[in-house]
Amino acid sequence: MRNTGRTADPLGEPAMNVTAYRRGRTVRTIAASIVAAAALSLTAACGGGGDGDSDNAGKANSSATAPASATDAQGADKAEAGKENQAGKGGQGGKEGATGATGATGVKDAKSQTEKSGGGSESEPVGDCDINKTAITVQNVKSPVNHMLLKATNKAGVDCKLVGYPGLKFGAAAQAATPVNEDSKPQAVVMLAPGESAYAGITTSAADGSGAEGGKVDSLEVFIDGSEDPKPVELPGGSVYVDSAAKVTYWQTDAQTALTW
C-alpha cells in the first residue's frame, strides 16, 4: 500500500495531516507573540507619555516657580533699599531740621542783641521826653546881648526825644507863646540818652531898643512837645525885660549852636 502521510483513524475518520497541524500551531504562537509584543509596546508608550507629561509639568512648575522666586527676591531687595533710603532721608532731614533750628536760634539771639543795643528797625521807638522827668533851667549869657540859654536834661532812665522847640510863656499876663526863629531849625530831631542835655537860645528883647510893648516879667513857664502841662522855671535874678522882639530857637544839641541866632 502507498504511504499518504495520514494516520488511519480506528473509528474510520480521515487521518489529520500532522504537518498542517504543526504549521497552524506555529502560526498561532507567532501571532500571539506579536499581539503580546504590541500590547507591551502600547503600554510602554502610554506609560512613557505619562512620565513625560509629569516631567514636563514639573519643569513647567519649576520654571514658573523660579521667576516668581526671583521676582520676590528682587521685590524684597527693593523694599529693603527703599527702607534704607527713607531712613537716610529721615536722618538727613533730621540734620537739616537741627541746622534750621540752630539757624533760627542764631537769628533770634542776634535780634535780641540788636534790641538791647537800641539799633535796628526792630528796636522800640524812642518816645518824647517826659516833662516831669526832664530838668529845665535858664541862665543869662554875656554874648550875645539880651540873650538867655535854656537847658533841658533827660532825667529818665531811657532815651527820649525833644521835638521842635520849647514853648515859652513870659509872665502871667502873656497872651501867646514866644515866637520861634525858623532859621534855627535843625536837620534832625534831638535825641537824649539818660543824663544828656539839649539847648535853646532865647532872645529877650531887641538889642537896639526897637522892640515894642516891653516890660519886666517875673515868671517863666516852659512847654515841651508831648506834654500838656508846663513846667515853671525860675528866672535868674527873679525877673527879665521882654519886648516884641523876643524869640526862641529850636532845640539844639549844644549851647554854642543855640546861641548863634
Protein backbone atom coordinates (compact mmCIF):
# COMPACT_ATOMS: atom_id res chain seq x y z
CA MET A 1 0.00 0.00 0.00
CA ARG A 2 1.19 3.60 -0.74
CA ASN A 3 2.02 5.81 2.27
CA THR A 4 -0.05 9.02 2.06
CA GLY A 5 1.27 10.59 5.26
CA ARG A 6 -2.03 10.28 7.12
CA THR A 7 -2.80 8.11 10.09
CA ALA A 8 -5.74 5.88 9.92
CA ASP A 9 -8.46 6.65 12.41
CA PRO A 10 -9.63 3.48 14.15
CA LEU A 11 -13.19 4.82 14.02
CA GLY A 12 -12.91 5.20 10.30
CA GLU A 13 -12.46 9.07 10.32
CA PRO A 14 -9.97 10.55 7.91
CA ALA A 15 -6.49 10.94 9.40
CA MET A 16 -5.26 14.55 10.25
CA ASN A 17 -2.34 15.91 8.42
CA VAL A 18 0.38 16.21 11.10
CA THR A 19 2.40 18.77 9.19
CA ALA A 20 -0.51 21.13 8.69
CA TYR A 21 -1.35 20.87 12.34
CA ARG A 22 2.13 21.77 13.36
CA ARG A 23 2.25 24.73 10.99
CA GLY A 24 -1.04 26.08 12.29
CA ARG A 25 0.14 25.89 15.87
CA THR A 26 3.34 27.71 14.96
CA VAL A 27 1.40 30.47 13.22
CA ARG A 28 -0.84 30.91 16.25
CA THR A 29 2.13 31.08 18.54
CA ILE A 30 3.80 33.74 16.43
CA ALA A 31 0.58 35.73 16.20
CA ALA A 32 0.11 35.57 19.93
CA SER A 33 3.69 36.71 20.42
CA ILE A 34 3.14 39.65 18.06
CA VAL A 35 -0.05 40.65 19.85
CA ALA A 36 1.67 40.44 23.21
CA ALA A 37 4.60 42.48 21.95
CA ALA A 38 2.25 45.07 20.54
CA ALA A 39 0.40 45.24 23.82
CA LEU A 40 3.64 45.72 25.73
CA SER A 41 4.74 48.43 23.31
CA LEU A 42 1.45 50.26 23.68
CA THR A 43 1.64 50.01 27.44
CA ALA A 44 5.22 51.31 27.42
CA ALA A 45 4.23 54.14 25.11
CA CYS A 46 1.35 55.18 27.36
CA GLY A 47 3.49 54.87 30.45
CA GLY A 48 6.30 56.84 28.82
CA GLY A 49 3.87 59.55 27.73
CA GLY A 50 2.62 59.88 31.29
CA ASP A 51 6.13 60.17 32.67
CA GLY A 52 6.97 62.73 30.00
CA ASP A 53 3.94 64.82 30.87
CA SER A 54 4.86 64.66 34.54
CA ASP A 55 8.41 65.68 33.74
CA ASN A 56 7.19 68.50 31.51
CA ALA A 57 4.73 69.59 34.17
CA GLY A 58 7.49 69.51 36.78
CA LYS A 59 9.76 71.51 34.51
CA ALA A 60 6.95 74.00 33.86
CA ASN A 61 6.26 74.29 37.55
CA SER A 62 9.96 74.74 38.24
CA SER A 63 10.21 77.37 35.51
CA ALA A 64 7.19 79.22 36.85
CA THR A 65 8.44 78.99 40.42
CA ALA A 66 11.93 80.21 39.58
CA PRO A 67 10.87 83.58 38.05
CA ALA A 68 8.38 84.07 40.83
CA SER A 69 11.09 83.44 43.40
CA ALA A 70 13.46 85.78 41.60
CA THR A 71 10.75 88.44 41.42
CA ASP A 72 10.02 88.05 45.11
CA ALA A 73 13.72 88.33 45.92
CA GLN A 74 14.07 91.45 43.77
CA GLY A 75 10.97 92.94 45.40
CA ALA A 76 12.36 92.22 48.84
CA ASP A 77 15.69 93.83 47.87
CA LYS A 78 13.91 96.92 46.53
CA ALA A 79 11.76 97.16 49.65
CA GLU A 80 14.84 96.92 51.84
CA ALA A 81 16.65 99.50 49.73
CA GLY A 82 13.58 101.76 49.98
CA LYS A 83 13.62 101.47 53.77
CA GLU A 84 17.32 102.34 53.84
CA ASN A 85 16.73 105.33 51.55
CA GLN A 86 13.85 106.51 53.71
CA ALA A 87 15.99 106.06 56.79
CA GLY A 88 18.79 108.02 55.14
CA LYS A 89 16.40 110.79 54.10
CA GLY A 90 14.95 110.83 57.56
CA GLY A 91 18.41 111.20 59.07
CA GLN A 92 19.31 113.91 56.61
CA GLY A 93 16.00 115.65 57.28
CA GLY A 94 16.75 115.46 60.99
CA LYS A 95 20.15 117.06 60.42
CA GLU A 96 18.60 119.75 58.25
CA GLY A 97 15.91 120.32 60.85
CA ALA A 98 18.58 120.62 63.53
CA THR A 99 20.52 123.04 61.36
CA GLY A 100 17.35 125.06 60.70
CA ALA A 101 16.63 125.18 64.43
CA THR A 102 20.20 126.31 65.12
CA GLY A 103 19.91 128.98 62.43
CA ALA A 104 16.60 130.19 63.86
CA THR A 105 18.15 130.38 67.34
CA GLY A 106 21.06 132.39 65.97
CA VAL A 107 18.72 134.84 64.27
CA LYS A 108 16.68 135.18 67.46
CA ASP A 109 19.83 135.82 69.51
CA ALA A 110 21.07 138.38 67.01
CA LYS A 111 17.69 140.12 67.12
CA SER A 112 17.79 140.18 70.91
CA GLN A 113 21.26 141.70 70.87
CA THR A 114 20.11 144.33 68.37
CA GLU A 115 17.12 145.25 70.51
CA LYS A 116 19.29 145.52 73.63
CA SER A 117 21.72 147.83 71.87
CA GLY A 118 18.87 150.02 70.65
CA GLY A 119 19.80 149.60 66.99
CA GLY A 120 17.97 148.17 64.01
CA SER A 121 14.41 148.52 62.83
CA GLU A 122 13.14 146.02 65.40
CA SER A 123 14.03 148.23 68.41
CA GLU A 124 11.27 150.11 70.23
CA PRO A 125 10.74 153.69 69.03
CA VAL A 126 12.09 156.45 71.24
CA GLY A 127 9.33 158.42 72.92
CA ASP A 128 9.01 162.10 73.74
CA CYS A 129 10.75 163.32 76.84
CA ASP A 130 8.50 163.44 79.89
CA ILE A 131 8.43 166.97 81.28
CA ASN A 132 8.17 165.55 84.79
CA LYS A 133 11.41 163.65 84.22
CA THR A 134 13.22 166.50 82.49
CA ALA A 135 15.19 169.10 84.41
CA ILE A 136 14.81 172.57 82.83
CA THR A 137 16.89 175.62 83.74
CA VAL A 138 17.52 179.05 82.24
CA GLN A 139 20.54 181.32 82.62
CA ASN A 140 21.84 184.68 81.43
CA VAL A 141 24.74 184.81 78.96
CA LYS A 142 27.22 187.60 78.25
CA SER A 143 27.10 187.20 74.49
CA PRO A 144 25.11 187.81 72.53
CA VAL A 145 23.43 190.62 74.46
CA ASN A 146 19.81 190.34 75.53
CA HIS A 147 20.03 186.54 75.31
CA MET A 148 19.38 183.68 77.71
CA LEU A 149 20.18 179.96 77.42
CA LEU A 150 17.53 177.34 78.16
CA LYS A 151 18.79 173.89 79.12
CA ALA A 152 16.80 170.61 79.30
CA THR A 153 18.36 167.47 80.81
CA ASN A 154 16.91 163.95 80.49
CA LYS A 155 16.46 162.55 83.99
CA ALA A 156 14.59 159.44 82.89
CA GLY A 157 16.22 156.05 82.74
CA VAL A 158 15.55 155.67 79.00
CA ASP A 159 16.27 157.58 75.82
CA CYS A 160 13.83 160.30 74.81
CA LYS A 161 13.47 162.95 72.15
CA LEU A 162 12.80 166.69 72.19
CA VAL A 163 10.76 167.58 69.13
CA GLY A 164 10.59 171.08 67.68
CA TYR A 165 11.17 173.94 70.04
CA PRO A 166 10.17 174.85 73.61
CA GLY A 167 7.00 176.82 74.21
CA LEU A 168 7.70 179.87 76.40
CA LYS A 169 5.21 181.93 78.38
CA PHE A 170 6.83 185.00 79.95
CA GLY A 171 4.69 186.48 82.73
CA ALA A 172 1.27 185.51 83.97
CA ALA A 173 -0.41 188.01 81.65
CA ALA A 174 1.13 186.67 78.43
CA GLN A 175 -1.49 186.10 75.72
CA ALA A 176 0.68 183.92 73.45
CA ALA A 177 3.84 181.85 73.43
CA THR A 178 7.13 183.37 72.33
CA PRO A 179 7.60 183.01 68.52
CA VAL A 180 10.24 180.62 67.14
CA ASN A 181 13.22 181.59 65.00
CA GLU A 182 12.63 179.43 61.90
CA ASP A 183 16.22 179.87 60.75
CA SER A 184 17.36 177.73 63.66
CA LYS A 185 15.55 174.55 62.62
CA PRO A 186 18.00 171.58 62.84
CA GLN A 187 18.40 168.74 60.36
CA ALA A 188 17.15 166.08 62.80
CA VAL A 189 15.18 165.69 65.99
CA VAL A 190 17.29 165.93 69.13
CA MET A 191 17.66 162.56 70.89
CA LEU A 192 18.71 162.43 74.53
CA ALA A 193 20.17 159.47 76.37
CA PRO A 194 19.76 159.45 80.15
CA GLY A 195 21.75 162.40 81.57
CA GLU A 196 22.21 164.20 78.23
CA SER A 197 21.03 167.77 77.62
CA ALA A 198 19.57 169.88 74.82
CA TYR A 199 19.66 173.67 74.47
CA ALA A 200 17.57 176.53 73.12
CA GLY A 201 18.61 180.17 72.74
CA ILE A 202 16.21 182.91 73.87
CA THR A 203 16.26 186.47 72.55
CA THR A 204 14.54 188.55 75.23
CA SER A 205 14.48 191.94 73.53
CA ALA A 206 15.82 193.93 70.57
CA ALA A 207 19.46 194.94 71.07
CA ASP A 208 18.84 198.39 69.51
CA GLY A 209 15.74 199.04 71.61
CA SER A 210 13.41 198.86 68.61
CA GLY A 211 11.09 196.36 70.24
CA ALA A 212 7.60 197.37 71.35
CA GLU A 213 5.45 196.59 74.33
CA GLY A 214 8.43 195.85 76.50
CA GLY A 215 8.40 195.25 80.21
CA LYS A 216 9.72 193.17 83.07
CA VAL A 217 8.25 189.80 83.86
CA ASP A 218 8.89 187.68 86.92
CA SER A 219 7.81 184.23 85.77
CA LEU A 220 8.52 181.76 83.02
CA GLU A 221 6.66 178.60 82.08
CA VAL A 222 8.13 176.11 79.60
CA PHE A 223 6.20 173.65 77.46
CA ILE A 224 7.80 170.72 75.61
CA ASP A 225 6.30 168.65 72.84
CA GLY A 226 4.34 165.66 74.13
CA SER A 227 3.36 167.24 77.45
CA GLU A 228 0.25 169.34 78.01
CA ASP A 229 1.26 170.85 81.31
CA PRO A 230 4.05 173.45 81.52
CA LYS A 231 6.96 173.45 83.94
CA PRO A 232 7.68 176.67 85.83
CA VAL A 233 11.31 177.76 85.58
CA GLU A 234 12.99 180.21 87.95
CA LEU A 235 14.37 183.34 86.23
CA PRO A 236 17.91 184.47 87.05
CA GLY A 237 17.61 187.49 89.38
CA GLY A 238 13.86 186.90 89.66
CA SER A 239 12.87 188.91 86.55
CA VAL A 240 13.79 189.75 82.92
CA TYR A 241 12.92 192.51 80.41
CA VAL A 242 10.95 191.20 77.41
CA ASP A 243 9.57 193.05 74.36
CA SER A 244 8.02 192.20 70.96
CA ALA A 245 11.42 191.11 69.55
CA ALA A 246 11.53 188.06 71.84
CA LYS A 247 12.15 184.75 70.06
CA VAL A 248 13.30 181.22 70.86
CA THR A 249 15.30 178.72 68.78
CA TYR A 250 14.61 175.07 68.07
CA TRP A 251 16.18 172.55 70.41
CA GLN A 252 19.89 172.12 69.63
CA THR A 253 22.43 169.53 70.70
CA ASP A 254 24.95 172.12 72.01
CA ALA A 255 24.84 175.51 73.68
CA GLN A 256 27.05 177.29 71.14
CA THR A 257 24.70 176.47 68.28
CA ALA A 258 21.70 177.52 70.30
CA LEU A 259 23.19 181.00 70.86
CA THR A 260 24.04 181.54 67.16
CA TRP A 261 20.81 183.46 66.46
